[in-house]
Amino acid sequence: MKKILHTILEVHFFYVILIAFVVAMSSLYMTFAAEYPRLVDKAELLSDSEKTELLYILDEISERQQVDIIVLTVPSLEGASPVEYADNFYDNNDYGFGDNHDGILFLISMEERDWYISTTGYGITVVTDENIEYMSEYFLYDLSEGEYLKAFTTFAELCDYFITQSQYTGDNAPKEPYWFVGNFVITFGIGFIISLIVTGGMKRKLKSVRPQSTADIYIKRDSMHITKRNDLFLYRHIDRIKKPENNQANHSRVSNTHTSSSGRTHGGRGGKF
């Protein structure tokens, strides 16, 4: 009886420890999530419902792609440059996945209407300077019009696009969607088949026509007499093509990088809105 009671107490103690551990880990996770959210709206540009919607998008893409996608808005840069503020905020809050702290941060400062995208780790590879310029063409208008949720959502979705594309191709520049290419090929194929049918029918109607090796058949016999023959040079045409320079041939689709005050390497670029 004592052994049975002792066994029951041991099992009970084990479950108490297990539950305590789970609760502690859950609290730790919630503390981390609250302390380092992927949306920090210090400038209060978004409503509560918009924050919830955007944070869900940022979390879903970040966890799925294993690259942190961060949106940060501030009323002022507090004397720092956009580059310094974005990089330091990212580093100091320990954002990023893996040893290289893979991530992309979008900073908005309302004081001078600055925007800046800071990239780190794998984020530098997939969101190049050229890609940031491409992205800005889609979100700058919305920023200028005060459509902040739309601008931030566009940023997040384009990050998702570039990360996904980089897994299948070595070239991260924007490409036409697959459905466009597929429809073009199908349409071209149908048109080609129809043209073969039409031209085949026209060819069958010309059975009496045969290719001739000379033009004698088109000239009436004894109707023309050539008395003099000359070769006359009329003109000469020369095409000159400039050889591409090395810097043109190696047009960059890379990121210019720099080192933050913490010693970490970042890429990125920005502007005004």
Protein backbone atom coordinates (compact mmCIF):
# COMPACT_ATOMS: atom_id res chain seq x y z
CA MET A 1 0.00 0.00 0.00
CA LYS A 2 2.82 2.36 0.87
CA LYS A 3 4.52 1.60 -2.46
CA ILE A 4 1.34 2.39 -4.38
CA LEU A 5 0.91 5.66 -2.47
CA HIS A 6 4.54 6.55 -3.07
CA THR A 7 4.16 5.88 -6.81
CA ILE A 8 1.03 8.05 -6.98
CA LEU A 9 2.86 10.90 -5.23
CA GLU A 10 5.79 10.62 -7.65
CA VAL A 11 3.48 10.77 -10.68
CA HIS A 12 1.60 13.71 -9.17
CA PHE A 13 4.87 15.55 -8.49
CA PHE A 14 6.03 14.90 -12.07
CA TYR A 15 2.87 16.42 -13.54
CA VAL A 16 3.14 19.45 -11.24
CA ILE A 17 6.70 20.06 -12.45
CA LEU A 18 5.65 19.55 -16.09
CA ILE A 19 2.74 21.99 -15.82
CA ALA A 20 4.95 24.56 -14.08
CA PHE A 21 7.52 24.23 -16.86
CA VAL A 22 4.90 24.70 -19.60
CA VAL A 23 3.46 27.76 -17.85
CA ALA A 24 6.93 29.24 -17.40
CA MET A 25 7.81 28.72 -21.07
CA SER A 26 4.48 30.19 -22.17
CA SER A 27 5.10 33.25 -20.01
CA LEU A 28 8.59 33.57 -21.43
CA TYR A 29 7.26 33.39 -25.00
CA MET A 30 4.54 35.95 -24.29
CA THR A 31 7.10 38.28 -22.69
CA PHE A 32 9.35 37.95 -25.73
CA ALA A 33 6.46 38.60 -28.12
CA ALA A 34 5.33 41.65 -26.15
CA GLU A 35 8.85 43.02 -25.79
CA TYR A 36 9.88 42.53 -29.42
CA PRO A 37 6.79 42.81 -31.66
CA ARG A 38 7.24 43.04 -35.41
CA LEU A 39 5.07 46.16 -35.49
CA VAL A 40 6.12 49.17 -33.39
CA ASP A 41 3.83 52.14 -34.11
CA LYS A 42 5.32 54.91 -31.95
CA ALA A 43 3.94 57.57 -34.31
CA GLU A 44 0.42 56.14 -33.86
CA LEU A 45 -0.36 56.03 -37.56
CA LEU A 46 -2.62 52.97 -37.32
CA SER A 47 -5.86 52.20 -35.51
CA ASP A 48 -6.07 49.23 -33.15
CA SER A 49 -7.82 47.08 -35.76
CA GLU A 50 -5.23 48.03 -38.39
CA LYS A 51 -2.41 47.14 -36.01
CA THR A 52 -3.94 43.72 -35.39
CA GLU A 53 -4.36 43.09 -39.11
CA LEU A 54 -0.84 44.21 -40.03
CA LEU A 55 0.84 42.37 -37.16
CA TYR A 56 -0.85 39.15 -38.26
CA ILE A 57 0.54 39.62 -41.78
CA LEU A 58 4.05 40.41 -40.51
CA ASP A 59 4.09 37.44 -38.13
CA GLU A 60 2.76 35.00 -40.72
CA ILE A 61 5.30 35.96 -43.39
CA SER A 62 8.18 36.13 -40.90
CA GLU A 63 7.52 32.70 -39.39
CA ARG A 64 6.88 31.04 -42.74
CA GLN A 65 9.92 32.52 -44.48
CA GLN A 66 12.18 32.54 -41.39
CA VAL A 67 13.08 36.18 -42.13
CA ASP A 68 11.88 38.91 -39.74
CA ILE A 69 9.69 41.53 -41.45
CA ILE A 70 9.49 44.61 -39.18
CA VAL A 71 7.53 47.87 -39.45
CA LEU A 72 8.62 50.78 -37.22
CA THR A 73 7.03 54.24 -37.10
CA VAL A 74 8.40 57.09 -34.97
CA PRO A 75 7.48 60.76 -34.56
CA SER A 76 11.17 61.77 -34.62
CA LEU A 77 14.61 60.29 -35.26
CA GLU A 78 15.91 62.07 -32.15
CA GLY A 79 18.92 63.54 -33.93
CA ALA A 80 20.00 60.33 -35.67
CA SER A 81 19.98 59.65 -39.40
CA PRO A 82 17.38 57.23 -40.80
CA VAL A 83 20.16 54.68 -41.42
CA GLU A 84 21.47 54.89 -37.85
CA TYR A 85 18.04 54.78 -36.25
CA ALA A 86 16.80 51.80 -38.28
CA ASP A 87 19.99 49.76 -37.88
CA ASN A 88 20.36 50.46 -34.15
CA PHE A 89 16.71 49.68 -33.41
CA TYR A 90 17.01 46.37 -35.23
CA ASP A 91 20.27 45.43 -33.50
CA ASN A 92 19.34 46.61 -30.00
CA ASN A 93 16.06 44.68 -30.01
CA ASP A 94 17.76 41.54 -31.30
CA TYR A 95 15.52 41.03 -34.32
CA GLY A 96 16.31 38.46 -36.99
CA PHE A 97 16.39 34.71 -37.53
CA GLY A 98 19.48 32.57 -37.17
CA ASP A 99 23.10 33.44 -36.59
CA ASN A 100 23.00 36.11 -39.32
CA HIS A 101 19.90 37.82 -37.86
CA ASP A 102 18.02 37.57 -41.17
CA GLY A 103 15.45 40.33 -41.49
CA ILE A 104 14.09 43.47 -43.15
CA LEU A 105 12.95 46.60 -41.27
CA PHE A 106 10.78 49.40 -42.69
CA LEU A 107 11.22 52.71 -40.81
CA ILE A 108 8.89 55.72 -41.09
CA SER A 109 9.72 59.02 -39.33
CA MET A 110 7.03 61.70 -39.43
CA GLU A 111 9.20 64.67 -38.38
CA GLU A 112 10.96 65.04 -41.74
CA ARG A 113 8.80 62.45 -43.56
CA ASP A 114 11.69 60.00 -43.95
CA TRP A 115 11.42 56.36 -44.93
CA TYR A 116 14.19 53.79 -44.83
CA ILE A 117 14.44 50.03 -45.36
CA SER A 118 17.23 48.32 -43.43
CA THR A 119 18.25 44.78 -44.40
CA THR A 120 20.29 42.25 -42.42
CA GLY A 121 21.67 38.77 -43.12
CA TYR A 122 19.66 36.98 -45.79
CA GLY A 123 17.54 40.12 -46.10
CA ILE A 124 20.52 41.82 -47.76
CA THR A 125 20.61 39.07 -50.39
CA VAL A 126 16.93 38.98 -51.30
CA VAL A 127 16.01 42.68 -50.99
CA THR A 128 18.71 44.42 -52.99
CA ASP A 129 19.04 48.15 -53.63
CA GLU A 130 17.31 47.67 -56.98
CA ASN A 131 14.46 45.75 -55.35
CA ILE A 132 13.99 48.46 -52.71
CA GLU A 133 13.68 51.03 -55.49
CA TYR A 134 11.12 48.79 -57.17
CA MET A 135 9.17 48.42 -53.91
CA SER A 136 9.13 52.17 -53.29
CA GLU A 137 7.29 52.71 -56.57
CA TYR A 138 4.37 50.81 -55.06
CA PHE A 139 4.21 52.15 -51.49
CA LEU A 140 5.35 55.80 -51.79
CA TYR A 141 2.05 57.08 -53.14
CA ASP A 142 0.10 55.45 -50.31
CA LEU A 143 2.53 56.88 -47.73
CA SER A 144 2.10 60.37 -49.19
CA GLU A 145 -1.70 60.00 -49.09
CA GLY A 146 -1.73 58.74 -45.50
CA GLU A 147 -2.77 55.21 -46.50
CA TYR A 148 -0.30 53.69 -44.07
CA LEU A 149 -1.86 50.24 -43.68
CA LYS A 150 -1.94 49.80 -47.44
CA ALA A 151 1.69 50.96 -47.78
CA PHE A 152 2.94 48.64 -45.01
CA THR A 153 0.96 45.69 -46.38
CA THR A 154 2.45 46.28 -49.82
CA PHE A 155 5.93 46.34 -48.29
CA ALA A 156 5.34 43.05 -46.45
CA GLU A 157 3.86 41.30 -49.48
CA LEU A 158 6.73 42.39 -51.73
CA CYS A 159 9.24 41.13 -49.15
CA ASP A 160 7.40 37.81 -49.20
CA TYR A 161 7.54 37.79 -53.01
CA PHE A 162 11.28 38.45 -53.22
CA ILE A 163 12.13 35.89 -50.53
CA THR A 164 10.03 33.23 -52.26
CA GLN A 165 11.46 33.99 -55.70
CA SER A 166 15.04 33.85 -54.42
CA GLN A 167 14.53 30.19 -53.49
CA TYR A 168 13.98 29.22 -57.12
CA THR A 169 16.08 31.63 -59.16
CA GLY A 170 19.41 33.37 -58.79
CA ASP A 171 17.93 36.59 -60.11
CA ASN A 172 15.75 38.57 -57.71
CA ALA A 173 14.61 41.26 -60.11
CA PRO A 174 10.85 41.52 -60.68
CA LYS A 175 9.46 39.15 -63.29
CA GLU A 176 6.10 38.80 -64.99
CA PRO A 177 3.72 36.48 -63.11
CA TYR A 178 3.62 32.84 -64.21
CA TRP A 179 0.04 33.07 -65.47
CA PHE A 180 1.06 35.80 -67.92
CA VAL A 181 3.86 33.71 -69.41
CA GLY A 182 1.66 30.61 -69.55
CA ASN A 183 -1.20 32.41 -71.29
CA PHE A 184 1.21 33.95 -73.78
CA VAL A 185 2.66 30.55 -74.71
CA ILE A 186 -0.80 29.00 -75.11
CA THR A 187 -2.07 31.90 -77.22
CA PHE A 188 1.04 31.85 -79.41
CA GLY A 189 0.70 28.08 -79.91
CA ILE A 190 -2.95 28.31 -80.97
CA GLY A 191 -2.18 31.15 -83.38
CA PHE A 192 0.74 29.21 -84.88
CA ILE A 193 -1.42 26.12 -85.52
CA ILE A 194 -4.17 28.19 -87.15
CA SER A 195 -1.63 29.94 -89.40
CA LEU A 196 -0.27 26.55 -90.53
CA ILE A 197 -3.77 25.40 -91.50
CA VAL A 198 -4.54 28.60 -93.43
CA THR A 199 -1.22 28.78 -95.30
CA GLY A 200 -1.42 25.05 -96.05
CA GLY A 201 -4.75 25.56 -97.78
CA MET A 202 -3.37 28.48 -99.79
CA LYS A 203 -0.39 26.39 -100.84
CA ARG A 204 -2.60 23.58 -102.16
CA LYS A 205 -4.42 26.07 -104.41
CA LEU A 206 -1.10 26.94 -106.12
CA LYS A 207 -0.27 23.48 -107.47
CA SER A 208 0.57 24.90 -110.93
CA VAL A 209 3.22 27.19 -109.51
CA ARG A 210 6.76 25.82 -109.17
CA PRO A 211 9.95 27.58 -108.08
CA GLN A 212 12.28 28.47 -111.01
CA SER A 213 16.07 28.51 -110.85
CA THR A 214 16.36 31.37 -113.41
CA ALA A 215 14.22 34.23 -114.69
CA ASP A 216 14.27 33.07 -118.34
CA ILE A 217 10.72 31.73 -118.14
CA TYR A 218 9.38 35.21 -117.42
CA ILE A 219 10.99 36.78 -120.53
CA LYS A 220 9.51 36.43 -124.04
CA ARG A 221 12.02 34.68 -126.27
CA ASP A 222 14.00 36.99 -128.65
CA SER A 223 12.29 40.09 -127.19
CA MET A 224 15.41 41.56 -125.53
CA HIS A 225 19.01 41.94 -126.75
CA ILE A 226 21.80 42.99 -124.35
CA THR A 227 24.51 44.97 -126.18
CA LYS A 228 26.57 46.22 -123.23
CA ARG A 229 27.24 44.99 -119.68
CA ASN A 230 28.81 46.96 -116.76
CA ASP A 231 29.26 46.48 -113.00
CA LEU A 232 28.34 49.77 -111.32
CA PHE A 233 29.15 50.35 -107.57
CA LEU A 234 26.26 52.23 -106.00
CA TYR A 235 26.87 52.62 -102.23
CA ARG A 236 28.31 51.06 -99.10
CA HIS A 237 26.65 50.70 -95.67
CA ILE A 238 28.66 50.04 -92.48
CA ASP A 239 27.18 49.44 -89.01
CA ARG A 240 29.32 50.32 -85.99
CA ILE A 241 28.34 49.01 -82.53
CA LYS A 242 30.03 50.29 -79.39
CA LYS A 243 31.56 47.56 -77.24
CA PRO A 244 29.96 47.51 -73.74
CA GLU A 245 32.19 48.73 -70.95
CA ASN A 246 32.87 46.43 -68.01
CA ASN A 247 30.75 48.44 -65.60
CA GLN A 248 27.81 48.23 -68.01
CA ALA A 249 28.19 44.51 -68.48
CA ASN A 250 28.23 43.98 -64.73
CA HIS A 251 25.15 46.06 -63.92
CA SER A 252 24.53 45.39 -60.24
CA ARG A 253 21.65 43.61 -58.67
CA VAL A 254 23.37 43.62 -55.32
CA SER A 255 23.19 45.61 -52.10
CA ASN A 256 25.65 48.21 -50.90
CA THR A 257 26.41 47.39 -47.28
CA HIS A 258 27.71 49.23 -44.23
CA THR A 259 28.49 48.46 -40.59
CA SER A 260 26.27 49.69 -37.75
CA SER A 261 27.52 50.94 -34.39
CA SER A 262 27.10 47.42 -33.00
CA GLY A 263 29.44 46.05 -35.65
CA ARG A 264 26.73 44.26 -37.62
CA THR A 265 26.52 44.43 -41.43
CA HIS A 266 23.42 46.03 -42.95
CA GLY A 267 22.14 46.98 -46.37
CA GLY A 268 19.30 49.29 -47.33
CA ARG A 269 18.23 52.61 -48.75
CA GLY A 270 15.52 55.21 -48.23
CA GLY A 271 14.15 58.63 -49.10
CA LYS A 272 11.31 61.09 -48.47
CA PHE A 273 7.55 60.75 -48.85
